[in-house]
Amino acid sequence: MAISTYAELQTSIAGWLNRDDLTANIPDFIALAESSISNEVRHWRMEKRAETTIDGQFTGIPSDWIQTIRFHMTANGTVDLEYMSLSSMQAARARVDDATGIPHSYALNSSQFEVFPTPSGSQSAILLYYEKVPELSASVTTNWLLTHYPDVYLYGALLHSAPFLKEDERAQTWAALYTTAVKRINDASSKSTASGSGLRLKIGSY
């Protein structure tokens, strides 16, 4: 059967498992698969660009952020922010007695980006990052991944069903199929971005 919507995906999962008593559990399998997919898939359709203003030591991280591609200031030309460990940033901040300036480094601090040095005023910045795969639900019935790569959703959900159903012997099969599907997505993205086809990045803010 075709798998193009959230409902069709649930029906297909039930069919592959040959079970009709998992209606309440299948959404959990899909949600767990989405978490794994967001961590393991890197496709150009996940790239997102956000414009923001940095006016202090800390700035918020977009709610759909999973990995930074590039973070740079734009106020006085382009200045790339280099990633720095939090401990290294704390040591650098202490060496200059927390002097202000144009930020050139950033670190992850709890649920925020911390920049160094702390800007003395508002600074424009652009963050290019990988966003989470949009989660499916009764109201969000499809997304780019389900449209183009339904197999990774199917095998990912089946893989997460195995521990619940105590079917260890099937877990290896689902894992192999899922791994192959993820590799195909990542390889396809690499080929697309290397072929000169270009990317269209979404412009947003947070």
N, C-alpha and C. Protein backbone atom coordinates (compact mmCIF):
# COMPACT_ATOMS: atom_id res chain seq x y z
N MET A 1 0.84 -1.19 0.00
CA MET A 1 0.00 0.00 0.00
C MET A 1 0.87 1.24 0.00
N ALA A 2 0.31 2.36 -0.48
CA ALA A 2 1.03 3.62 -0.46
C ALA A 2 1.17 4.11 0.97
N ILE A 3 2.30 4.75 1.27
CA ILE A 3 2.51 5.32 2.60
C ILE A 3 2.82 6.79 2.40
N SER A 4 1.80 7.62 2.46
CA SER A 4 2.00 9.05 2.23
C SER A 4 1.41 9.92 3.33
N THR A 5 0.70 9.31 4.28
CA THR A 5 0.12 10.06 5.38
C THR A 5 0.39 9.34 6.70
N TYR A 6 0.17 10.07 7.79
CA TYR A 6 0.35 9.51 9.12
C TYR A 6 -0.55 8.30 9.33
N ALA A 7 -1.80 8.39 8.88
CA ALA A 7 -2.73 7.27 9.04
C ALA A 7 -2.28 6.07 8.24
N GLU A 8 -1.82 6.29 7.01
CA GLU A 8 -1.35 5.18 6.17
C GLU A 8 -0.10 4.53 6.77
N LEU A 9 0.76 5.35 7.37
CA LEU A 9 1.95 4.81 8.02
C LEU A 9 1.56 3.90 9.18
N GLN A 10 0.61 4.32 9.99
CA GLN A 10 0.17 3.50 11.12
C GLN A 10 -0.45 2.18 10.63
N THR A 11 -1.23 2.27 9.58
CA THR A 11 -1.84 1.06 9.03
C THR A 11 -0.78 0.10 8.50
N SER A 12 0.22 0.65 7.83
CA SER A 12 1.29 -0.19 7.27
C SER A 12 2.09 -0.86 8.38
N ILE A 13 2.39 -0.13 9.45
CA ILE A 13 3.13 -0.71 10.57
C ILE A 13 2.35 -1.86 11.19
N ALA A 14 1.06 -1.67 11.39
CA ALA A 14 0.22 -2.73 11.94
C ALA A 14 0.22 -3.94 11.03
N GLY A 15 0.20 -3.71 9.71
CA GLY A 15 0.21 -4.81 8.76
C GLY A 15 1.52 -5.58 8.78
N TRP A 16 2.64 -4.86 8.84
CA TRP A 16 3.94 -5.53 8.87
C TRP A 16 4.10 -6.34 10.15
N LEU A 17 3.54 -5.85 11.24
CA LEU A 17 3.63 -6.57 12.51
C LEU A 17 2.55 -7.64 12.64
N ASN A 18 1.60 -7.62 11.71
CA ASN A 18 0.49 -8.57 11.72
C ASN A 18 -0.24 -8.52 13.05
N ARG A 19 -0.50 -7.28 13.51
CA ARG A 19 -1.18 -7.08 14.78
C ARG A 19 -2.28 -6.03 14.59
N ASP A 20 -3.40 -6.25 15.26
CA ASP A 20 -4.48 -5.28 15.22
C ASP A 20 -4.81 -4.73 16.60
N ASP A 21 -3.89 -4.95 17.56
CA ASP A 21 -4.13 -4.51 18.93
C ASP A 21 -3.10 -3.49 19.40
N LEU A 22 -2.47 -2.80 18.46
CA LEU A 22 -1.41 -1.86 18.81
C LEU A 22 -1.76 -0.41 18.48
N THR A 23 -3.04 -0.14 18.34
CA THR A 23 -3.46 1.20 17.94
C THR A 23 -2.91 2.28 18.86
N ALA A 24 -2.89 2.02 20.15
CA ALA A 24 -2.41 3.01 21.11
C ALA A 24 -0.90 3.10 21.16
N ASN A 25 -0.20 2.06 20.68
CA ASN A 25 1.25 2.00 20.80
C ASN A 25 1.98 2.47 19.54
N ILE A 26 1.39 2.29 18.39
CA ILE A 26 2.06 2.62 17.13
C ILE A 26 2.49 4.09 17.07
N PRO A 27 1.68 5.05 17.54
CA PRO A 27 2.17 6.44 17.55
C PRO A 27 3.45 6.61 18.36
N ASP A 28 3.60 5.83 19.43
CA ASP A 28 4.84 5.89 20.21
C ASP A 28 6.02 5.36 19.40
N PHE A 29 5.81 4.27 18.66
CA PHE A 29 6.88 3.73 17.82
C PHE A 29 7.32 4.77 16.79
N ILE A 30 6.36 5.49 16.22
CA ILE A 30 6.67 6.50 15.22
C ILE A 30 7.43 7.66 15.87
N ALA A 31 6.99 8.09 17.04
CA ALA A 31 7.66 9.20 17.73
C ALA A 31 9.10 8.84 18.09
N LEU A 32 9.31 7.61 18.54
CA LEU A 32 10.67 7.15 18.85
C LEU A 32 11.52 7.10 17.59
N ALA A 33 10.92 6.67 16.49
CA ALA A 33 11.64 6.64 15.21
C ALA A 33 12.04 8.05 14.80
N GLU A 34 11.15 9.02 14.98
CA GLU A 34 11.45 10.40 14.60
C GLU A 34 12.63 10.94 15.39
N SER A 35 12.72 10.57 16.66
CA SER A 35 13.85 11.01 17.48
C SER A 35 15.16 10.46 16.92
N SER A 36 15.16 9.17 16.57
CA SER A 36 16.35 8.55 16.00
C SER A 36 16.69 9.17 14.65
N ILE A 37 15.67 9.38 13.83
CA ILE A 37 15.87 9.93 12.49
C ILE A 37 16.50 11.32 12.56
N SER A 38 15.99 12.16 13.45
CA SER A 38 16.54 13.51 13.56
C SER A 38 18.00 13.49 13.97
N ASN A 39 18.41 12.51 14.75
CA ASN A 39 19.80 12.40 15.17
C ASN A 39 20.71 11.79 14.11
N GLU A 40 20.15 10.98 13.22
CA GLU A 40 20.99 10.20 12.31
C GLU A 40 20.90 10.63 10.85
N VAL A 41 19.81 11.25 10.45
CA VAL A 41 19.66 11.70 9.06
C VAL A 41 20.20 13.12 8.93
N ARG A 42 20.96 13.36 7.86
CA ARG A 42 21.43 14.70 7.53
C ARG A 42 21.16 14.92 6.05
N HIS A 43 20.08 15.64 5.78
CA HIS A 43 19.63 15.88 4.41
C HIS A 43 19.48 17.38 4.20
N TRP A 44 19.71 17.81 2.97
CA TRP A 44 19.64 19.25 2.71
C TRP A 44 18.26 19.84 3.02
N ARG A 45 17.22 19.01 3.01
CA ARG A 45 15.89 19.53 3.35
C ARG A 45 15.77 19.87 4.83
N MET A 46 16.73 19.44 5.63
CA MET A 46 16.72 19.76 7.06
C MET A 46 17.47 21.06 7.36
N GLU A 47 18.10 21.65 6.37
CA GLU A 47 18.86 22.87 6.59
C GLU A 47 17.92 24.07 6.71
N LYS A 48 18.17 24.88 7.70
CA LYS A 48 17.31 26.04 7.97
C LYS A 48 18.18 27.23 8.35
N ARG A 49 17.77 28.41 7.91
CA ARG A 49 18.52 29.63 8.18
C ARG A 49 17.67 30.55 9.04
N ALA A 50 18.25 31.04 10.12
CA ALA A 50 17.53 31.93 11.02
C ALA A 50 18.34 33.19 11.26
N GLU A 51 17.70 34.34 11.15
CA GLU A 51 18.33 35.61 11.45
C GLU A 51 17.94 36.02 12.87
N THR A 52 18.90 36.50 13.63
CA THR A 52 18.61 36.88 15.01
C THR A 52 19.47 38.06 15.41
N THR A 53 19.23 38.58 16.58
CA THR A 53 20.02 39.66 17.15
C THR A 53 20.62 39.19 18.47
N ILE A 54 21.92 39.35 18.59
CA ILE A 54 22.61 38.99 19.83
C ILE A 54 22.90 40.27 20.58
N ASP A 55 22.33 40.41 21.77
CA ASP A 55 22.51 41.64 22.53
C ASP A 55 22.99 41.38 23.95
N GLY A 56 23.51 40.19 24.18
CA GLY A 56 24.02 39.86 25.49
C GLY A 56 24.87 38.60 25.45
N GLN A 57 25.25 38.13 26.60
CA GLN A 57 26.11 36.94 26.70
C GLN A 57 25.40 35.69 26.21
N PHE A 58 24.08 35.64 26.38
CA PHE A 58 23.31 34.46 26.04
C PHE A 58 22.24 34.79 25.01
N THR A 59 21.97 33.84 24.14
CA THR A 59 20.89 33.97 23.18
C THR A 59 20.22 32.62 23.03
N GLY A 60 18.93 32.62 22.75
CA GLY A 60 18.18 31.37 22.71
C GLY A 60 18.52 30.49 21.52
N ILE A 61 18.32 29.20 21.71
CA ILE A 61 18.49 28.22 20.65
C ILE A 61 17.11 27.93 20.06
N PRO A 62 16.98 27.91 18.73
CA PRO A 62 15.67 27.59 18.14
C PRO A 62 15.15 26.25 18.64
N SER A 63 13.86 26.15 18.82
CA SER A 63 13.26 24.95 19.39
C SER A 63 13.44 23.73 18.49
N ASP A 64 13.63 23.93 17.19
CA ASP A 64 13.79 22.81 16.27
C ASP A 64 15.26 22.55 15.91
N TRP A 65 16.18 23.19 16.63
CA TRP A 65 17.63 23.04 16.36
C TRP A 65 18.12 21.66 16.80
N ILE A 66 18.95 21.04 15.96
CA ILE A 66 19.63 19.82 16.40
C ILE A 66 21.14 19.89 16.19
N GLN A 67 21.61 20.71 15.23
CA GLN A 67 23.05 20.81 15.00
C GLN A 67 23.35 22.08 14.21
N THR A 68 24.38 22.79 14.64
CA THR A 68 24.78 24.00 13.95
C THR A 68 25.63 23.66 12.72
N ILE A 69 25.33 24.32 11.61
CA ILE A 69 26.16 24.21 10.41
C ILE A 69 27.12 25.39 10.35
N ARG A 70 26.57 26.60 10.51
CA ARG A 70 27.40 27.80 10.52
C ARG A 70 26.68 28.88 11.34
N PHE A 71 27.47 29.62 12.11
CA PHE A 71 26.94 30.68 12.95
C PHE A 71 27.85 31.88 12.73
N HIS A 72 27.32 32.99 12.23
CA HIS A 72 28.19 34.13 11.97
C HIS A 72 27.49 35.46 12.23
N MET A 73 28.32 36.46 12.59
CA MET A 73 27.87 37.82 12.81
C MET A 73 27.85 38.55 11.46
N THR A 74 26.96 39.54 11.35
CA THR A 74 26.83 40.24 10.07
C THR A 74 26.90 41.76 10.19
N ALA A 75 27.05 42.29 11.41
CA ALA A 75 26.98 43.74 11.61
C ALA A 75 28.14 44.47 10.94
N ASN A 76 29.35 43.98 11.08
CA ASN A 76 30.54 44.64 10.53
C ASN A 76 31.28 43.68 9.61
N GLY A 77 30.61 43.31 8.52
CA GLY A 77 31.15 42.26 7.68
C GLY A 77 30.80 40.91 8.28
N THR A 78 31.25 39.87 7.65
CA THR A 78 30.94 38.52 8.12
C THR A 78 32.03 38.04 9.07
N VAL A 79 31.64 37.72 10.28
CA VAL A 79 32.57 37.17 11.27
C VAL A 79 32.03 35.84 11.74
N ASP A 80 32.70 34.77 11.38
CA ASP A 80 32.27 33.44 11.80
C ASP A 80 32.48 33.25 13.29
N LEU A 81 31.47 32.68 13.93
CA LEU A 81 31.61 32.31 15.33
C LEU A 81 32.14 30.88 15.40
N GLU A 82 33.28 30.71 16.01
CA GLU A 82 33.89 29.40 16.14
C GLU A 82 33.40 28.72 17.41
N TYR A 83 33.13 27.42 17.30
CA TYR A 83 32.66 26.68 18.49
C TYR A 83 33.80 26.56 19.50
N MET A 84 33.46 26.74 20.77
CA MET A 84 34.42 26.63 21.87
C MET A 84 33.75 25.86 22.99
N SER A 85 34.49 25.00 23.64
CA SER A 85 33.92 24.28 24.78
C SER A 85 33.60 25.29 25.88
N LEU A 86 32.64 24.93 26.71
CA LEU A 86 32.20 25.84 27.76
C LEU A 86 33.33 26.12 28.74
N SER A 87 34.12 25.11 29.07
CA SER A 87 35.22 25.32 30.01
C SER A 87 36.27 26.25 29.42
N SER A 88 36.57 26.10 28.11
CA SER A 88 37.54 26.98 27.46
C SER A 88 37.03 28.41 27.41
N MET A 89 35.72 28.56 27.16
CA MET A 89 35.16 29.91 27.13
C MET A 89 35.23 30.57 28.50
N GLN A 90 34.93 29.83 29.54
CA GLN A 90 34.99 30.39 30.88
C GLN A 90 36.40 30.84 31.21
N ALA A 91 37.40 30.05 30.78
CA ALA A 91 38.80 30.43 31.02
C ALA A 91 39.17 31.67 30.22
N ALA A 92 38.72 31.74 28.96
CA ALA A 92 39.02 32.91 28.12
C ALA A 92 38.35 34.16 28.68
N ARG A 93 37.14 34.02 29.18
CA ARG A 93 36.42 35.16 29.74
C ARG A 93 37.14 35.67 30.99
N ALA A 94 37.67 34.77 31.78
CA ALA A 94 38.38 35.18 32.99
C ALA A 94 39.68 35.90 32.65
N ARG A 95 40.36 35.47 31.56
CA ARG A 95 41.64 36.07 31.20
C ARG A 95 41.49 37.53 30.81
N VAL A 96 40.35 37.90 30.23
CA VAL A 96 40.15 39.29 29.80
C VAL A 96 39.21 40.03 30.74
N ASP A 97 38.97 39.44 31.91
CA ASP A 97 38.11 40.07 32.92
C ASP A 97 36.74 40.39 32.35
N ASP A 98 36.22 39.46 31.51
CA ASP A 98 34.89 39.57 30.93
C ASP A 98 34.68 40.86 30.13
N ALA A 99 35.73 41.29 29.42
CA ALA A 99 35.63 42.50 28.60
C ALA A 99 34.65 42.27 27.45
N THR A 100 33.98 43.32 27.00
CA THR A 100 33.04 43.21 25.88
C THR A 100 33.77 43.39 24.56
N GLY A 101 33.08 43.05 23.48
CA GLY A 101 33.66 43.18 22.15
C GLY A 101 32.76 42.52 21.12
N ILE A 102 33.29 42.35 19.92
CA ILE A 102 32.53 41.66 18.88
C ILE A 102 32.72 40.16 19.07
N PRO A 103 31.66 39.40 19.28
CA PRO A 103 31.80 37.96 19.52
C PRO A 103 32.50 37.25 18.37
N HIS A 104 33.36 36.29 18.73
CA HIS A 104 34.03 35.47 17.73
C HIS A 104 33.93 33.98 18.06
N SER A 105 33.32 33.64 19.20
CA SER A 105 33.20 32.24 19.60
C SER A 105 31.84 32.03 20.25
N TYR A 106 31.40 30.78 20.22
CA TYR A 106 30.16 30.44 20.91
C TYR A 106 30.30 29.07 21.55
N ALA A 107 29.48 28.84 22.56
CA ALA A 107 29.44 27.55 23.25
C ALA A 107 27.98 27.23 23.54
N LEU A 108 27.72 25.97 23.84
CA LEU A 108 26.39 25.55 24.26
C LEU A 108 26.35 25.56 25.77
N ASN A 109 25.41 26.32 26.31
CA ASN A 109 25.28 26.44 27.76
C ASN A 109 23.83 26.22 28.12
N SER A 110 23.53 25.04 28.66
CA SER A 110 22.16 24.63 28.97
C SER A 110 21.34 24.72 27.69
N SER A 111 20.29 25.51 27.67
CA SER A 111 19.43 25.58 26.50
C SER A 111 19.67 26.86 25.71
N GLN A 112 20.88 27.41 25.81
CA GLN A 112 21.20 28.66 25.13
C GLN A 112 22.57 28.59 24.46
N PHE A 113 22.78 29.52 23.51
CA PHE A 113 24.12 29.77 22.99
C PHE A 113 24.75 30.84 23.88
N GLU A 114 25.99 30.62 24.27
CA GLU A 114 26.76 31.65 24.97
C GLU A 114 27.84 32.14 24.01
N VAL A 115 27.95 33.46 23.84
CA VAL A 115 28.95 34.01 22.92
C VAL A 115 30.06 34.69 23.70
N PHE A 116 31.22 34.76 23.05
CA PHE A 116 32.39 35.41 23.67
C PHE A 116 33.15 36.16 22.59
N PRO A 117 33.56 37.40 22.90
CA PRO A 117 33.22 38.18 24.09
C PRO A 117 31.75 38.59 24.08
N THR A 118 31.27 39.03 25.23
CA THR A 118 29.91 39.54 25.31
C THR A 118 29.82 40.82 24.48
N PRO A 119 28.84 40.94 23.59
CA PRO A 119 28.76 42.16 22.77
C PRO A 119 28.42 43.38 23.62
N SER A 120 28.98 44.51 23.22
CA SER A 120 28.71 45.76 23.95
C SER A 120 27.39 46.37 23.53
N GLY A 121 26.83 45.90 22.40
CA GLY A 121 25.54 46.38 21.92
C GLY A 121 24.89 45.28 21.09
N SER A 122 23.81 45.61 20.44
CA SER A 122 23.11 44.61 19.63
C SER A 122 23.91 44.28 18.38
N GLN A 123 23.99 43.01 18.07
CA GLN A 123 24.73 42.53 16.90
C GLN A 123 23.84 41.59 16.10
N SER A 124 23.77 41.80 14.79
CA SER A 124 23.00 40.91 13.93
C SER A 124 23.78 39.64 13.65
N ALA A 125 23.07 38.53 13.57
CA ALA A 125 23.73 37.25 13.34
C ALA A 125 22.82 36.35 12.51
N ILE A 126 23.44 35.40 11.84
CA ILE A 126 22.70 34.40 11.06
C ILE A 126 23.16 33.02 11.51
N LEU A 127 22.20 32.18 11.79
CA LEU A 127 22.47 30.80 12.19
C LEU A 127 21.95 29.87 11.11
N LEU A 128 22.82 29.07 10.55
CA LEU A 128 22.44 28.01 9.63
C LEU A 128 22.56 26.70 10.39
N TYR A 129 21.46 25.93 10.41
CA TYR A 129 21.47 24.73 11.24
C TYR A 129 20.59 23.63 10.66
N TYR A 130 20.76 22.45 11.19
CA TYR A 130 19.87 21.34 10.87
C TYR A 130 18.69 21.37 11.84
N GLU A 131 17.48 21.31 11.29
CA GLU A 131 16.29 21.29 12.12
C GLU A 131 15.80 19.85 12.29
N LYS A 132 15.04 19.63 13.34
CA LYS A 132 14.43 18.34 13.57
C LYS A 132 13.45 18.02 12.44
N VAL A 133 13.27 16.75 12.17
CA VAL A 133 12.24 16.35 11.23
C VAL A 133 10.88 16.72 11.82
N PRO A 134 10.04 17.46 11.08
CA PRO A 134 8.72 17.84 11.62
C PRO A 134 7.94 16.60 12.05
N GLU A 135 7.45 16.62 13.27
CA GLU A 135 6.78 15.44 13.83
C GLU A 135 5.40 15.25 13.22
N LEU A 136 5.09 14.00 12.91
CA LEU A 136 3.76 13.66 12.39
C LEU A 136 2.75 13.59 13.53
N SER A 137 1.52 13.89 13.21
CA SER A 137 0.44 13.81 14.19
C SER A 137 -0.89 13.77 13.44
N ALA A 138 -1.97 13.74 14.19
CA ALA A 138 -3.29 13.74 13.57
C ALA A 138 -3.53 15.02 12.78
N SER A 139 -2.88 16.11 13.20
CA SER A 139 -3.06 17.39 12.50
C SER A 139 -1.94 17.67 11.50
N VAL A 140 -0.78 17.08 11.70
CA VAL A 140 0.33 17.19 10.75
C VAL A 140 0.49 15.81 10.12
N THR A 141 -0.19 15.60 9.00
CA THR A 141 -0.34 14.25 8.48
C THR A 141 0.79 13.81 7.54
N THR A 142 1.65 14.73 7.14
CA THR A 142 2.77 14.34 6.29
C THR A 142 3.89 15.36 6.43
N ASN A 143 5.05 15.01 5.94
CA ASN A 143 6.19 15.93 5.89
C ASN A 143 7.10 15.48 4.75
N TRP A 144 8.18 16.21 4.53
CA TRP A 144 9.04 15.90 3.38
C TRP A 144 9.64 14.50 3.48
N LEU A 145 9.95 14.06 4.68
CA LEU A 145 10.58 12.75 4.84
C LEU A 145 9.62 11.62 4.48
N LEU A 146 8.39 11.70 4.96
CA LEU A 146 7.42 10.67 4.65
C LEU A 146 7.09 10.67 3.16
N THR A 147 7.06 11.85 2.56
CA THR A 147 6.75 11.96 1.13
C THR A 147 7.83 11.31 0.28
N HIS A 148 9.09 11.57 0.60
CA HIS A 148 10.19 11.11 -0.25
C HIS A 148 10.83 9.81 0.23
N TYR A 149 10.79 9.55 1.54
CA TYR A 149 11.47 8.37 2.08
C TYR A 149 10.60 7.67 3.12
N PRO A 150 9.46 7.14 2.73
CA PRO A 150 8.58 6.48 3.71
C PRO A 150 9.21 5.25 4.35
N ASP A 151 10.18 4.64 3.66
CA ASP A 151 10.78 3.42 4.20
C ASP A 151 11.53 3.67 5.50
N VAL A 152 12.17 4.85 5.64
CA VAL A 152 12.91 5.11 6.87
C VAL A 152 11.94 5.26 8.05
N TYR A 153 10.78 5.82 7.81
CA TYR A 153 9.75 5.90 8.85
C TYR A 153 9.26 4.50 9.22
N LEU A 154 8.95 3.70 8.21
CA LEU A 154 8.41 2.37 8.45
C LEU A 154 9.41 1.51 9.22
N TYR A 155 10.64 1.41 8.72
CA TYR A 155 11.62 0.54 9.37
C TYR A 155 12.04 1.09 10.74
N GLY A 156 12.07 2.43 10.87
CA GLY A 156 12.40 3.01 12.18
C GLY A 156 11.35 2.67 13.22
N ALA A 157 10.08 2.76 12.84
CA ALA A 157 9.01 2.43 13.77
C ALA A 157 9.01 0.94 14.10
N LEU A 158 9.23 0.10 13.08
CA LEU A 158 9.29 -1.34 13.33
C LEU A 158 10.44 -1.70 14.27
N LEU A 159 11.57 -1.02 14.10
CA LEU A 159 12.71 -1.26 14.97
C LEU A 159 12.36 -0.94 16.42
N HIS A 160 11.65 0.15 16.64
CA HIS A 160 11.30 0.53 18.02
C HIS A 160 10.14 -0.29 18.57
N SER A 161 9.47 -1.03 17.71
CA SER A 161 8.41 -1.91 18.20
C SER A 161 8.97 -3.19 18.81
N ALA A 162 10.16 -3.59 18.37
CA ALA A 162 10.71 -4.89 18.77
C ALA A 162 10.88 -5.04 20.28
N PRO A 163 11.46 -4.05 20.99
CA PRO A 163 11.58 -4.22 22.45
C PRO A 163 10.22 -4.32 23.13
N PHE A 164 9.25 -3.53 22.67
CA PHE A 164 7.92 -3.57 23.27
C PHE A 164 7.27 -4.93 23.08
N LEU A 165 7.45 -5.51 21.88
CA LEU A 165 6.84 -6.79 21.56
C LEU A 165 7.72 -7.97 21.97
N LYS A 166 8.90 -7.66 22.51
CA LYS A 166 9.87 -8.68 22.94
C LYS A 166 10.20 -9.62 21.78
N GLU A 167 10.48 -9.00 20.62
CA GLU A 167 10.83 -9.76 19.42
C GLU A 167 12.27 -9.44 19.04
N ASP A 168 13.19 -9.91 19.87
CA ASP A 168 14.60 -9.62 19.64
C ASP A 168 15.10 -10.17 18.30
N GLU A 169 14.53 -11.28 17.88
CA GLU A 169 15.00 -11.89 16.63
C GLU A 169 14.65 -11.03 15.42
N ARG A 170 13.61 -10.21 15.53
CA ARG A 170 13.23 -9.35 14.41
C ARG A 170 13.94 -8.01 14.47
N ALA A 171 14.47 -7.67 15.62
CA ALA A 171 15.12 -6.37 15.78
C ALA A 171 16.30 -6.23 14.83
N GLN A 172 17.07 -7.29 14.63
CA GLN A 172 18.23 -7.21 13.74
C GLN A 172 17.79 -6.94 12.30
N THR A 173 16.69 -7.56 11.90
CA THR A 173 16.18 -7.33 10.54
C THR A 173 15.75 -5.89 10.37
N TRP A 174 14.95 -5.38 11.33
CA TRP A 174 14.50 -3.99 11.22
C TRP A 174 15.67 -3.04 11.29
N ALA A 175 16.65 -3.34 12.13
CA ALA A 175 17.81 -2.45 12.26
C ALA A 175 18.59 -2.37 10.96
N ALA A 176 18.77 -3.51 10.30
CA ALA A 176 19.51 -3.52 9.03
C ALA A 176 18.77 -2.73 7.96
N LEU A 177 17.46 -2.90 7.88
CA LEU A 177 16.67 -2.18 6.89
C LEU A 177 16.65 -0.68 7.19
N TYR A 178 16.54 -0.34 8.46
CA TYR A 178 16.54 1.07 8.85
C TYR A 178 17.89 1.72 8.54
N THR A 179 18.98 1.05 8.89
CA THR A 179 20.31 1.59 8.63
C THR A 179 20.54 1.83 7.15
N THR A 180 20.09 0.88 6.33
CA THR A 180 20.22 1.02 4.87
C THR A 180 19.42 2.22 4.37
N ALA A 181 18.22 2.40 4.89
CA ALA A 181 17.36 3.52 4.48
C ALA A 181 17.98 4.86 4.86
N VAL A 182 18.53 4.95 6.06
CA VAL A 182 19.17 6.18 6.50
C VAL A 182 20.38 6.50 5.64
N LYS A 183 21.19 5.48 5.33
CA LYS A 183 22.36 5.70 4.49
C LYS A 183 21.95 6.18 3.10
N ARG A 184 20.87 5.65 2.59
CA ARG A 184 20.41 6.07 1.26
C ARG A 184 20.01 7.54 1.26
N ILE A 185 19.34 7.98 2.34
CA ILE A 185 18.96 9.38 2.44
C ILE A 185 20.19 10.28 2.50
N ASN A 186 21.13 9.93 3.37
CA ASN A 186 22.32 10.75 3.54
C ASN A 186 23.16 10.77 2.26
N ASP A 187 23.27 9.62 1.59
CA ASP A 187 24.03 9.57 0.35
C ASP A 187 23.36 10.40 -0.73
N ALA A 188 22.02 10.33 -0.79
CA ALA A 188 21.29 11.11 -1.80
C ALA A 188 21.49 12.60 -1.57
N SER A 189 21.52 13.03 -0.31
CA SER A 189 21.74 14.43 -0.01
C SER A 189 23.14 14.86 -0.42
N SER A 190 24.12 14.03 -0.11
CA SER A 190 25.51 14.35 -0.47
C SER A 190 25.67 14.49 -1.98
N LYS A 191 25.03 13.60 -2.73
CA LYS A 191 25.12 13.67 -4.18
C LYS A 191 24.43 14.93 -4.71
N SER A 192 23.29 15.28 -4.12
CA SER A 192 22.55 16.46 -4.57
C SER A 192 23.34 17.73 -4.34
N THR A 193 23.95 17.86 -3.17
CA THR A 193 24.67 19.09 -2.84
C THR A 193 26.00 19.18 -3.57
N ALA A 194 26.52 18.05 -4.04
CA ALA A 194 27.79 18.05 -4.78
C ALA A 194 27.59 18.17 -6.28
N SER A 195 26.34 18.09 -6.73
CA SER A 195 26.09 18.07 -8.17
C SER A 195 25.92 19.44 -8.78
N GLY A 196 25.91 20.49 -7.92
CA GLY A 196 25.72 21.83 -8.44
C GLY A 196 24.26 22.21 -8.60
N SER A 197 23.36 21.38 -8.04
CA SER A 197 21.94 21.66 -8.17
C SER A 197 21.49 22.83 -7.31
N GLY A 198 22.29 23.14 -6.27
CA GLY A 198 21.97 24.28 -5.41
C GLY A 198 20.95 23.96 -4.34
N LEU A 199 20.89 24.80 -3.34
CA LEU A 199 19.96 24.61 -2.23
C LEU A 199 19.06 25.82 -2.10
N ARG A 200 17.85 25.58 -1.66
CA ARG A 200 16.95 26.67 -1.31
C ARG A 200 16.73 26.61 0.20
N LEU A 201 17.24 27.60 0.89
CA LEU A 201 17.16 27.60 2.34
C LEU A 201 16.00 28.45 2.81
N LYS A 202 15.29 27.95 3.83
CA LYS A 202 14.17 28.70 4.38
C LYS A 202 14.71 29.84 5.25
N ILE A 203 14.12 30.99 5.09
CA ILE A 203 14.51 32.14 5.90
C ILE A 203 13.52 32.28 7.04
N GLY A 204 14.04 32.36 8.24
CA GLY A 204 13.15 32.47 9.38
C GLY A 204 13.81 33.26 10.48
N SER A 205 13.15 33.37 11.58
CA SER A 205 13.71 34.04 12.75
C SER A 205 13.22 33.33 13.98
N TYR A 206 13.88 33.58 15.08
CA TYR A 206 13.44 32.99 16.32
C TYR A 206 13.65 33.95 17.46
